[in-house]
């Protein structure tokens, strides 16, 4: 039986939930979904310029878990940009 998931601290609620390539209708696009955890990790690391230890503390998670969340977000965004997919932020 897996361990229950811990509640992570998320202090950002985006108003915009979709990004897509210009000039391509949504019905023709595949969608990559980013979780709020992944958005928060990107915000803390890239916009707030915090180091990994500070980011993990703010999200109330371990450094290794924070790194996994951040790596997952980078991979999804890279896939969307390179392969021309839409990005949806799950709320």
C-alpha atoms as a PDB file:
ATOM      1  CA  UNK A   1       0.000   0.000   0.000  1.00  0.00           C
ATOM      2  CA  UNK A   2       1.538   3.335  -1.053  1.00  0.00           C
ATOM      3  CA  UNK A   3       2.256   6.059   1.405  1.00  0.00           C
ATOM      4  CA  UNK A   4      -0.351   8.869   1.532  1.00  0.00           C
ATOM      5  CA  UNK A   5       0.568  12.027  -0.333  1.00  0.00           C
ATOM      6  CA  UNK A   6       1.611  15.005   1.747  1.00  0.00           C
ATOM      7  CA  UNK A   7      -0.107  18.340   1.365  1.00  0.00           C
ATOM      8  CA  UNK A   8       2.271  20.718  -0.396  1.00  0.00           C
ATOM      9  CA  UNK A   9       2.244  24.473   0.019  1.00  0.00           C
ATOM     10  CA  UNK A  10       1.132  26.268  -3.153  1.00  0.00           C
ATOM     11  CA  UNK A  11       0.890  30.051  -2.994  1.00  0.00           C
ATOM     12  CA  UNK A  12       0.067  30.785  -6.602  1.00  0.00           C
ATOM     13  CA  UNK A  13      -3.176  30.380  -8.502  1.00  0.00           C
ATOM     14  CA  UNK A  14      -2.775  31.181 -12.206  1.00  0.00           C
ATOM     15  CA  UNK A  15      -5.535  33.098 -13.998  1.00  0.00           C
ATOM     16  CA  UNK A  16      -4.536  31.678 -17.365  1.00  0.00           C
ATOM     17  CA  UNK A  17      -4.813  27.912 -17.730  1.00  0.00           C
ATOM     18  CA  UNK A  18      -3.991  27.277 -21.414  1.00  0.00           C
ATOM     19  CA  UNK A  19      -1.102  28.114 -23.717  1.00  0.00           C
ATOM     20  CA  UNK A  20      -0.990  27.004 -27.327  1.00  0.00           C
ATOM     21  CA  UNK A  21       0.974  27.532 -30.514  1.00  0.00           C
ATOM     22  CA  UNK A  22      -0.251  30.517 -32.511  1.00  0.00           C
ATOM     23  CA  UNK A  23      -2.316  29.809 -35.596  1.00  0.00           C
ATOM     24  CA  UNK A  24      -3.251  26.214 -34.750  1.00  0.00           C
ATOM     25  CA  UNK A  25      -6.829  25.507 -33.615  1.00  0.00           C
ATOM     26  CA  UNK A  26      -7.122  23.691 -30.266  1.00  0.00           C
ATOM     27  CA  UNK A  27      -8.947  20.758 -31.855  1.00  0.00           C
ATOM     28  CA  UNK A  28      -5.765  19.854 -33.755  1.00  0.00           C
ATOM     29  CA  UNK A  29      -3.440  20.007 -30.764  1.00  0.00           C
ATOM     30  CA  UNK A  30      -2.389  17.431 -28.228  1.00  0.00           C
ATOM     31  CA  UNK A  31      -2.398  18.764 -24.672  1.00  0.00           C
ATOM     32  CA  UNK A  32       0.321  18.492 -22.017  1.00  0.00           C
ATOM     33  CA  UNK A  33      -0.996  18.963 -18.478  1.00  0.00           C
ATOM     34  CA  UNK A  34       1.007  20.729 -15.767  1.00  0.00           C
ATOM     35  CA  UNK A  35      -0.046  20.403 -12.132  1.00  0.00           C
ATOM     36  CA  UNK A  36      -0.214  23.337  -9.736  1.00  0.00           C
ATOM     37  CA  UNK A  37       2.769  21.801  -7.909  1.00  0.00           C
ATOM     38  CA  UNK A  38       4.825  21.963 -11.098  1.00  0.00           C
ATOM     39  CA  UNK A  39       3.788  25.577 -11.762  1.00  0.00           C
ATOM     40  CA  UNK A  40       4.678  26.542  -8.188  1.00  0.00           C
ATOM     41  CA  UNK A  41       8.078  24.835  -8.480  1.00  0.00           C
ATOM     42  CA  UNK A  42       8.816  26.733 -11.703  1.00  0.00           C
ATOM     43  CA  UNK A  43       7.688  30.016 -10.151  1.00  0.00           C
ATOM     44  CA  UNK A  44       9.848  29.629  -7.051  1.00  0.00           C
ATOM     45  CA  UNK A  45      12.942  28.445  -8.913  1.00  0.00           C
ATOM     46  CA  UNK A  46      12.859  30.650 -12.008  1.00  0.00           C
ATOM     47  CA  UNK A  47      10.884  33.781 -11.112  1.00  0.00           C
ATOM     48  CA  UNK A  48      11.770  34.126  -7.439  1.00  0.00           C
ATOM     49  CA  UNK A  49      15.355  32.917  -8.074  1.00  0.00           C
ATOM     50  CA  UNK A  50      15.406  30.785  -4.932  1.00  0.00           C
ATOM     51  CA  UNK A  51      17.798  27.886  -4.538  1.00  0.00           C
ATOM     52  CA  UNK A  52      16.507  24.333  -4.282  1.00  0.00           C
ATOM     53  CA  UNK A  53      16.678  24.216  -0.464  1.00  0.00           C
ATOM     54  CA  UNK A  54      14.589  27.390  -0.092  1.00  0.00           C
ATOM     55  CA  UNK A  55      12.087  26.214  -2.714  1.00  0.00           C
ATOM     56  CA  UNK A  56      11.631  22.873  -0.982  1.00  0.00           C
ATOM     57  CA  UNK A  57      11.114  24.590   2.362  1.00  0.00           C
ATOM     58  CA  UNK A  58       8.502  26.960   0.918  1.00  0.00           C
ATOM     59  CA  UNK A  59       6.620  24.047  -0.653  1.00  0.00           C
ATOM     60  CA  UNK A  60       6.992  22.004   2.565  1.00  0.00           C
ATOM     61  CA  UNK A  61       8.573  19.070   0.777  1.00  0.00           C
ATOM     62  CA  UNK A  62      11.976  17.405   0.613  1.00  0.00           C
ATOM     63  CA  UNK A  63      14.695  18.614  -1.744  1.00  0.00           C
ATOM     64  CA  UNK A  64      14.577  15.383  -3.732  1.00  0.00           C
ATOM     65  CA  UNK A  65      10.799  15.607  -4.161  1.00  0.00           C
ATOM     66  CA  UNK A  66      11.097  19.248  -5.208  1.00  0.00           C
ATOM     67  CA  UNK A  67      13.721  18.259  -7.795  1.00  0.00           C
ATOM     68  CA  UNK A  68      11.443  15.531  -9.183  1.00  0.00           C
ATOM     69  CA  UNK A  69       8.545  17.996  -9.463  1.00  0.00           C
ATOM     70  CA  UNK A  70      10.769  20.569 -11.204  1.00  0.00           C
ATOM     71  CA  UNK A  71      12.253  17.989 -13.600  1.00  0.00           C
ATOM     72  CA  UNK A  72       8.784  16.790 -14.522  1.00  0.00           C
ATOM     73  CA  UNK A  73       7.682  20.363 -15.274  1.00  0.00           C
ATOM     74  CA  UNK A  74      10.752  21.068 -17.425  1.00  0.00           C
ATOM     75  CA  UNK A  75      10.215  17.853 -19.396  1.00  0.00           C
ATOM     76  CA  UNK A  76       6.536  18.604 -20.052  1.00  0.00           C
ATOM     77  CA  UNK A  77       7.212  22.191 -21.132  1.00  0.00           C
ATOM     78  CA  UNK A  78      10.098  21.123 -23.375  1.00  0.00           C
ATOM     79  CA  UNK A  79       7.904  18.482 -25.012  1.00  0.00           C
ATOM     80  CA  UNK A  80       5.124  21.011 -25.605  1.00  0.00           C
ATOM     81  CA  UNK A  81       7.461  23.625 -27.115  1.00  0.00           C
ATOM     82  CA  UNK A  82       9.420  21.260 -29.333  1.00  0.00           C
ATOM     83  CA  UNK A  83       6.498  19.138 -30.527  1.00  0.00           C
ATOM     84  CA  UNK A  84       4.003  22.026 -30.833  1.00  0.00           C
ATOM     85  CA  UNK A  85       1.537  20.920 -28.153  1.00  0.00           C
ATOM     86  CA  UNK A  86      -0.803  22.977 -25.995  1.00  0.00           C
ATOM     87  CA  UNK A  87      -0.092  23.368 -22.260  1.00  0.00           C
ATOM     88  CA  UNK A  88      -2.969  23.076 -19.779  1.00  0.00           C
ATOM     89  CA  UNK A  89      -2.587  23.972 -16.105  1.00  0.00           C
ATOM     90  CA  UNK A  90      -4.683  21.631 -13.976  1.00  0.00           C
ATOM     91  CA  UNK A  91      -6.459  23.290 -11.064  1.00  0.00           C
END
